[in-house]
Amino acid sequence: IGETVANVSHCIKNLLAPLRGAIGLLDKHIPATEGSEARTLLEIVQRASNRLYLLIMEMLDYSKEREPLYESTTLRSVFREVEELLCPQAANSDVEIRVELRGEEYVIETDVHRLVRALLNLGTNALDAMPEGGTLTLHAAACGQDDPVTGPAEKQGFDAPGYLLFQVTDTGNGMDAETIGHLFQPFFSTKGSRGTGLGLSFVKSFVDDSGGTITVDSVVGRGT
């Protein structure tokens, strides 16, 4: 099954590459004029292609086809890319994105593409939980240090010098305990035909491979 998934995913990825390139060229040539029908249509295509690309990469990870590629980057660079990818959907859903970085020039050694995709998965889920608008907060800080978001170091529940804390928070629908219990299972989704059930499974896999941990705190009607 893994080999079949990998082969199909590679074929779709190869077909998607020129499409994404063409979209990038159109993005440079179509003015970002408010109310422009051409710009609106382009943003729809951009969102769809980004979601398809994300799905293909998730399928490759699920098939164990892709080996980690470690490189150095900064927090600011990672969060800038994530924010840019989330902005079209956020604008369409009337969601404000807030980015809070403590030590934005902090250099990290990681598989950058997988980190971006993990944060993008979490951010996309958060946006989907706020169809009527709200606030999405992307936060990062060093573990084991006092932080205005997570509180004093001794109350954070972990002490891991050299590690980073990433926190994605929304003001959306929230989840009950039963849903949280299945959240990271492959192919589990609350989105029906709109979800693959692989996004959060990938996030959990990436966190585990990085030697980290992931926790979920959610209240129905208040957010996650």
Protein backbone atom coordinates (compact mmCIF):
# COMPACT_ATOMS: atom_id res chain seq x y z
CA ILE A 1 0.00 0.00 0.00
CA GLY A 2 2.81 2.39 0.90
CA GLU A 3 4.51 1.87 -2.46
CA THR A 4 1.26 2.49 -4.35
CA VAL A 5 0.57 5.66 -2.38
CA ALA A 6 4.11 6.89 -3.05
CA ASN A 7 3.91 6.23 -6.80
CA VAL A 8 0.55 7.95 -7.22
CA SER A 9 1.67 10.88 -5.07
CA HIS A 10 4.83 11.37 -7.13
CA CYS A 11 2.80 11.43 -10.37
CA ILE A 12 0.41 14.06 -9.01
CA LYS A 13 3.28 16.09 -7.57
CA ASN A 14 5.01 16.17 -10.98
CA LEU A 15 1.80 17.34 -12.66
CA LEU A 16 1.25 19.96 -9.97
CA ALA A 17 4.72 21.55 -10.30
CA PRO A 18 4.12 23.49 -13.55
CA LEU A 19 0.67 24.50 -12.32
CA ARG A 20 2.14 26.03 -9.17
CA GLY A 21 4.80 27.75 -11.28
CA ALA A 22 2.16 29.28 -13.54
CA ILE A 23 0.17 30.45 -10.50
CA GLY A 24 3.30 32.13 -9.16
CA LEU A 25 3.77 34.02 -12.43
CA LEU A 26 0.12 35.10 -12.49
CA ASP A 27 0.47 36.32 -8.91
CA LYS A 28 3.25 38.68 -10.02
CA HIS A 29 1.33 40.05 -13.01
CA ILE A 30 -2.21 40.43 -11.65
CA PRO A 31 -2.49 43.62 -9.56
CA ALA A 32 -3.67 43.16 -5.98
CA THR A 33 -6.62 45.49 -6.57
CA GLU A 34 -9.40 45.28 -4.00
CA GLY A 35 -12.51 43.80 -5.54
CA SER A 36 -10.69 42.58 -8.64
CA GLU A 37 -12.43 39.50 -10.05
CA ALA A 38 -9.15 38.21 -11.54
CA ARG A 39 -7.38 38.52 -8.18
CA THR A 40 -10.26 36.79 -6.38
CA LEU A 41 -10.21 33.89 -8.81
CA LEU A 42 -6.42 33.62 -8.56
CA GLU A 43 -6.59 33.43 -4.76
CA ILE A 44 -9.13 30.60 -5.02
CA VAL A 45 -6.77 28.68 -7.32
CA GLN A 46 -3.82 29.45 -5.00
CA ARG A 47 -5.64 28.05 -1.99
CA ALA A 48 -6.67 24.94 -3.87
CA SER A 49 -3.16 24.27 -5.21
CA ASN A 50 -1.60 24.84 -1.78
CA ARG A 51 -4.01 22.36 -0.20
CA LEU A 52 -3.35 19.80 -2.93
CA TYR A 53 0.42 20.21 -2.52
CA LEU A 54 0.08 19.80 1.24
CA LEU A 55 -1.99 16.65 0.74
CA ILE A 56 0.60 15.16 -1.63
CA MET A 57 3.41 15.80 0.83
CA GLU A 58 1.33 14.23 3.60
CA MET A 59 0.79 11.15 1.43
CA LEU A 60 4.53 10.87 0.78
CA ASP A 61 5.21 11.11 4.50
CA TYR A 62 2.53 8.52 5.20
CA SER A 63 4.21 6.16 2.72
CA LYS A 64 7.59 6.79 4.44
CA GLU A 65 8.97 7.85 1.06
CA ARG A 66 10.59 11.10 2.16
CA GLU A 67 13.74 11.25 4.31
CA PRO A 68 14.17 14.22 6.69
CA LEU A 69 16.29 17.08 5.33
CA TYR A 70 17.82 19.10 8.14
CA GLU A 71 18.96 22.69 7.63
CA SER A 72 19.36 25.93 9.57
CA THR A 73 16.74 28.66 9.55
CA THR A 74 15.28 31.36 11.79
CA LEU A 75 11.94 31.51 13.53
CA ARG A 76 11.07 34.68 11.62
CA SER A 77 11.65 32.97 8.27
CA VAL A 78 9.47 29.98 9.20
CA PHE A 79 6.59 32.05 10.54
CA ARG A 80 6.71 34.50 7.63
CA GLU A 81 6.17 31.62 5.20
CA VAL A 82 3.39 30.08 7.29
CA GLU A 83 1.62 33.42 7.65
CA GLU A 84 1.82 34.12 3.90
CA LEU A 85 0.29 30.72 3.11
CA LEU A 86 -2.52 31.18 5.63
CA CYS A 87 -3.37 34.79 4.77
CA PRO A 88 -5.69 34.15 1.77
CA GLN A 89 -7.94 31.74 3.70
CA ALA A 90 -7.81 33.96 6.80
CA ALA A 91 -8.90 37.00 4.81
CA ASN A 92 -11.72 35.04 3.23
CA SER A 93 -12.94 33.91 6.68
CA ASP A 94 -12.49 37.31 8.35
CA VAL A 95 -9.84 35.91 10.70
CA GLU A 96 -7.05 38.04 12.15
CA ILE A 97 -3.63 36.36 12.29
CA ARG A 98 -1.33 37.36 15.14
CA VAL A 99 2.30 36.27 15.19
CA GLU A 100 4.12 36.37 18.54
CA LEU A 101 7.78 35.42 18.47
CA ARG A 102 10.21 35.60 21.36
CA GLY A 103 13.66 35.55 19.78
CA GLU A 104 12.62 35.79 16.11
CA GLU A 105 16.26 35.55 15.01
CA TYR A 106 16.65 32.30 16.97
CA VAL A 107 18.44 29.86 14.64
CA ILE A 108 17.02 26.34 14.58
CA GLU A 109 18.21 23.12 12.94
CA THR A 110 15.23 21.21 11.59
CA ASP A 111 13.51 19.83 8.52
CA VAL A 112 12.21 23.24 7.50
CA HIS A 113 9.63 22.02 4.99
CA ARG A 114 8.11 19.60 7.49
CA LEU A 115 8.04 22.26 10.22
CA VAL A 116 6.30 24.72 7.91
CA ARG A 117 3.79 22.05 6.89
CA ALA A 118 3.14 21.08 10.51
CA LEU A 119 2.39 24.68 11.46
CA LEU A 120 0.38 25.14 8.27
CA ASN A 121 -1.71 22.08 9.11
CA LEU A 122 -2.43 23.39 12.58
CA GLY A 123 -3.17 26.86 11.24
CA THR A 124 -5.48 25.54 8.51
CA ASN A 125 -7.43 23.46 11.04
CA ALA A 126 -7.74 26.54 13.24
CA LEU A 127 -9.09 28.60 10.33
CA ASP A 128 -11.58 25.86 9.45
CA ALA A 129 -12.84 26.05 13.05
CA MET A 130 -13.61 29.79 12.65
CA PRO A 131 -15.99 30.08 9.66
CA GLU A 132 -17.55 33.21 11.16
CA GLY A 133 -14.24 34.93 11.90
CA GLY A 134 -12.00 35.16 14.94
CA THR A 135 -8.33 35.29 15.88
CA LEU A 136 -5.53 32.87 15.05
CA THR A 137 -2.38 33.27 17.14
CA LEU A 138 0.96 31.73 16.16
CA HIS A 139 3.34 31.82 19.11
CA ALA A 140 6.91 30.59 19.63
CA ALA A 141 9.30 30.83 22.56
CA ALA A 142 12.18 28.96 24.16
CA CYS A 143 11.17 26.17 26.56
CA GLY A 144 11.93 26.54 30.22
CA GLN A 145 11.77 30.35 30.22
CA ASP A 146 9.15 32.69 31.63
CA ASP A 147 6.70 33.56 28.87
CA PRO A 148 3.71 35.96 28.76
CA VAL A 149 1.60 33.36 26.90
CA THR A 150 2.50 30.08 28.61
CA GLY A 151 3.31 31.62 31.99
CA PRO A 152 6.24 31.09 34.39
CA ALA A 153 8.70 28.36 33.40
CA GLU A 154 7.95 26.25 36.49
CA LYS A 155 4.23 26.09 35.56
CA GLN A 156 4.64 25.20 31.88
CA GLY A 157 4.67 21.47 32.54
CA PHE A 158 8.04 20.83 30.89
CA ASP A 159 11.66 21.85 31.20
CA ALA A 160 13.65 21.27 28.04
CA PRO A 161 16.52 23.73 27.53
CA GLY A 162 17.45 23.98 23.87
CA TYR A 163 13.92 23.13 22.72
CA LEU A 164 11.28 25.51 21.40
CA LEU A 165 7.60 25.80 22.23
CA PHE A 166 5.24 26.34 19.30
CA GLN A 167 1.67 27.22 20.14
CA VAL A 168 -1.23 27.62 17.70
CA THR A 169 -4.38 29.08 19.24
CA ASP A 170 -7.80 29.87 17.78
CA THR A 171 -11.06 31.33 19.03
CA GLY A 172 -13.17 28.84 17.11
CA ASN A 173 -15.62 26.04 17.79
CA GLY A 174 -13.44 24.01 20.14
CA MET A 175 -13.51 20.22 20.57
CA ASP A 176 -14.92 17.78 23.10
CA ALA A 177 -12.83 15.16 24.93
CA GLU A 178 -13.88 12.33 22.59
CA THR A 179 -12.72 14.22 19.50
CA ILE A 180 -9.40 15.12 21.13
CA GLY A 181 -8.87 11.44 21.94
CA HIS A 182 -8.95 10.54 18.22
CA LEU A 183 -7.28 13.68 16.94
CA PHE A 184 -3.93 12.21 15.85
CA GLN A 185 -5.23 8.92 14.46
CA PRO A 186 -4.56 8.49 10.71
CA PHE A 187 -7.65 9.15 8.57
CA PHE A 188 -9.69 10.54 11.48
CA SER A 189 -11.42 13.76 10.44
CA THR A 190 -14.38 15.86 11.54
CA LYS A 191 -14.54 17.65 8.17
CA GLY A 192 -16.30 14.94 6.19
CA SER A 193 -15.31 14.92 2.51
CA ARG A 194 -13.24 18.10 3.02
CA GLY A 195 -10.69 16.35 5.24
CA THR A 196 -8.18 13.55 4.65
CA GLY A 197 -7.46 12.74 8.28
CA LEU A 198 -3.71 12.83 7.57
CA GLY A 199 -2.83 16.39 8.57
CA LEU A 200 -2.68 16.03 12.35
CA SER A 201 -1.29 12.52 12.06
CA PHE A 202 1.60 14.06 10.13
CA VAL A 203 2.02 16.78 12.77
CA LYS A 204 2.25 14.17 15.52
CA SER A 205 4.75 12.12 13.51
CA PHE A 206 6.93 15.18 12.88
CA VAL A 207 6.88 16.19 16.55
CA ASP A 208 7.78 12.65 17.63
CA ASP A 209 10.60 12.43 15.07
CA SER A 210 11.94 15.75 16.40
CA GLY A 211 12.06 14.43 19.96
CA GLY A 212 9.25 16.69 21.11
CA THR A 213 5.79 16.34 22.59
CA ILE A 214 2.41 17.74 21.58
CA THR A 215 -0.58 18.58 23.77
CA VAL A 216 -4.09 19.84 23.04
CA ASP A 217 -6.24 22.10 25.20
CA SER A 218 -9.70 22.86 23.88
CA VAL A 219 -13.07 24.10 25.17
CA VAL A 220 -16.24 23.70 23.10
CA GLY A 221 -17.48 27.11 22.01
CA ARG A 222 -14.29 28.91 23.07
CA GLY A 223 -11.43 27.58 20.95
CA THR A 224 -8.33 25.41 20.91
